[in-house]
């Protein structure tokens, strides 16, 4: 139980720190930051596939599947936003 409380504490702190960092980023840095975020989300997606595929318990399988879904949404959304932002800088013919 102590390990679960520790992991939950780290998770909640990571959410708080991530939110605070992202909200302070100026708009000019969003495209480079988004590409780095997509790379990290790809790594997260790979880890989620490994976690779901291990099937230690039903809970880890469900959490792994949930992580796959969220990371996939994050990767696809990141690529769509990056593509749209880069499209704003293209020359119009």
Protein backbone atom coordinates (compact mmCIF):
# COMPACT_ATOMS: atom_id res chain seq x y z
CA UNK A 1 0.00 0.00 0.00
CA UNK A 2 2.91 2.36 0.71
CA UNK A 3 4.19 1.89 -2.83
CA UNK A 4 0.78 2.80 -4.25
CA UNK A 5 0.59 5.99 -2.15
CA UNK A 6 4.10 6.93 -3.25
CA UNK A 7 3.31 6.30 -6.92
CA UNK A 8 0.05 8.26 -6.66
CA UNK A 9 1.87 11.17 -5.01
CA UNK A 10 4.47 11.26 -7.77
CA UNK A 11 1.72 11.09 -10.40
CA UNK A 12 -0.24 13.99 -8.90
CA UNK A 13 2.90 16.10 -8.52
CA UNK A 14 3.86 15.36 -12.14
CA UNK A 15 0.45 16.55 -13.30
CA UNK A 16 0.78 19.76 -11.29
CA UNK A 17 4.32 20.52 -12.46
CA UNK A 18 3.47 19.70 -16.09
CA UNK A 19 0.43 21.98 -16.03
CA UNK A 20 2.41 24.84 -14.49
CA UNK A 21 5.23 24.50 -17.02
CA UNK A 22 3.00 24.28 -20.09
CA UNK A 23 0.85 27.28 -19.11
CA UNK A 24 3.95 29.47 -18.79
CA UNK A 25 5.28 28.73 -22.32
CA UNK A 26 5.03 31.68 -24.73
CA UNK A 27 3.11 31.04 -27.98
CA UNK A 28 6.26 31.32 -30.14
CA UNK A 29 7.68 28.18 -28.55
CA UNK A 30 4.61 25.97 -28.89
CA UNK A 31 5.59 24.30 -32.20
CA UNK A 32 9.10 23.14 -31.09
CA UNK A 33 7.70 22.17 -27.70
CA UNK A 34 4.89 20.21 -29.37
CA UNK A 35 7.35 18.15 -31.45
CA UNK A 36 9.29 17.28 -28.31
CA UNK A 37 6.06 16.44 -26.55
CA UNK A 38 5.09 14.13 -29.42
CA UNK A 39 8.37 12.26 -29.05
CA UNK A 40 7.79 11.81 -25.32
CA UNK A 41 4.21 10.70 -25.96
CA UNK A 42 5.50 8.12 -28.42
CA UNK A 43 7.73 6.71 -25.70
CA UNK A 44 4.76 6.74 -23.32
CA UNK A 45 2.69 4.88 -25.90
CA UNK A 46 5.37 2.21 -26.22
CA UNK A 47 5.54 1.82 -22.44
CA UNK A 48 1.76 1.56 -22.26
CA UNK A 49 1.74 -1.22 -24.87
CA UNK A 50 4.35 -3.11 -22.86
CA UNK A 51 2.40 -2.59 -19.61
CA UNK A 52 -0.89 -3.72 -21.13
CA UNK A 53 0.72 -6.70 -22.85
CA UNK A 54 2.36 -7.99 -19.66
CA UNK A 55 -1.06 -8.84 -18.18
CA UNK A 56 0.14 -9.26 -14.61
CA UNK A 57 -3.30 -8.49 -13.21
CA UNK A 58 -6.60 -7.27 -14.59
CA UNK A 59 -5.94 -3.82 -13.09
CA UNK A 60 -2.59 -3.42 -14.87
CA UNK A 61 -4.13 -4.52 -18.15
CA UNK A 62 -6.97 -2.00 -17.82
CA UNK A 63 -4.61 0.81 -16.80
CA UNK A 64 -2.29 -0.11 -19.68
CA UNK A 65 -5.20 0.02 -22.13
CA UNK A 66 -6.28 3.37 -20.73
CA UNK A 67 -2.71 4.65 -21.09
CA UNK A 68 -2.62 3.45 -24.72
CA UNK A 69 -5.83 5.34 -25.48
CA UNK A 70 -4.72 8.58 -23.81
CA UNK A 71 -1.20 8.50 -25.28
CA UNK A 72 -2.59 7.82 -28.77
CA UNK A 73 -4.97 10.77 -28.48
CA UNK A 74 -2.05 12.91 -27.31
CA UNK A 75 0.21 11.87 -30.19
CA UNK A 76 -2.44 12.32 -32.89
CA UNK A 77 -3.64 15.61 -31.43
CA UNK A 78 -0.07 16.87 -31.17
CA UNK A 79 0.64 16.09 -34.81
CA UNK A 80 -2.61 17.77 -35.90
CA UNK A 81 -1.87 20.93 -33.91
CA UNK A 82 1.74 21.05 -35.15
CA UNK A 83 0.62 20.58 -38.76
CA UNK A 84 -1.95 23.33 -38.42
CA UNK A 85 0.54 25.73 -36.81
CA UNK A 86 3.14 25.05 -39.49
CA UNK A 87 0.46 25.59 -42.14
CA UNK A 88 0.02 29.11 -40.85
CA UNK A 89 3.58 29.94 -41.93
CA UNK A 90 3.35 28.51 -45.46
CA UNK A 91 3.21 30.88 -48.40
CA UNK A 92 -0.12 31.24 -50.06
CA UNK A 93 0.00 30.69 -53.83
